[in-house]
Amino acid sequence: MACAVVPLDQQQVTESGPLGKERILPALHPDRKEERCFVPYKPPPEDGSPAEVEEFLEHARFIAEDLEWLLTLPHDKFWCQVVFDESLQRCLDSYLHHAPRGLDVATLPLSPAVADVQRAVHKAVFLTFLRMATHKESKELFFTPAVFGEIIYDNFLFDIPKILDLCVLFGKGNTQLLHKMIENIFTQQPAYYNDLDETLPTVLQVFHTILDKCGLQCEGATAMEPMKLTAQKQPTAMSMNLEALKRKPAVTSVVWLLIYCWSYPS
């Protein structure tokens, strides 16, 4: 008779202890984490010296190789690393924070070597987050859904700012996979809906403030007073081209997110 398949959060393993004595541990346990130091990400240097470029290449290759190693780990070891390795989370967070956005204006085009290693890191980070958002890899490799939701939420593996960064960095070209990732996160942990409800008013207020400082008005907004026929029509963010908006002094990273949402609707 076949044995029942047990979710990872209920599994136990037998391992040798420090003195060679066997001990039984939960499959998810900090002692099962591999000793590995993931370095934080730094963006490619703009108009950097050869030494700065070489430093970036070496640094980024370390990150790409470490994440590729992580992705080859079996299910249980992968999750031990994700949950208990603080250096891994610092590495992933640094990429979300510092990685170049698609609409960033670089002073010089990236060299082929820099562009190649940047693509490798970009892909490895996305695949890592994709696996972190997957509670069931196969019929044998899975979490209890409720426990998975607690793990990703209580360990801050995902939060609303991270999800927004993921959308901006990986939305173009990965729409379907990103949609599945976010859908699974919210399905397995409904608490993210409350976090999103609390975040949206602040984000919308920032957008309105930036539009106001840029001298723009929201598309479809209604004026408090009738506009005179002779009055010059106020431009809207939708009617301005990208170059015109770049010249506005109040453009920030939040504006780039707003442009991205307009340019690539769901």
Foldseek 3Di string as FASTA:
>chain_A
DDDDFDELQPDWDWDQDPVRRIDIDRLQDLVLADDDAAAAAAEQDFPDDPVSNVVNLVNLVSNLVVLVVLVPDPQSRNVNCLQNPVNVLNRLVRCLVHPDFPPDDGPDDDDPSNVVSSVSNLVSSVVSLLVLLDQDPDPRYGHDLQVSLCRCVVSVVDAVVSLLSCCRRPCPPCVVSNVVSVVSNCVSHVVNVVRCVVVVVVLVVVVCVLCVQQQADAVPDDDPDDDDPPDDDGHHPVRDDPVSSVPRPSDDVSVVSVVVCVVDPD
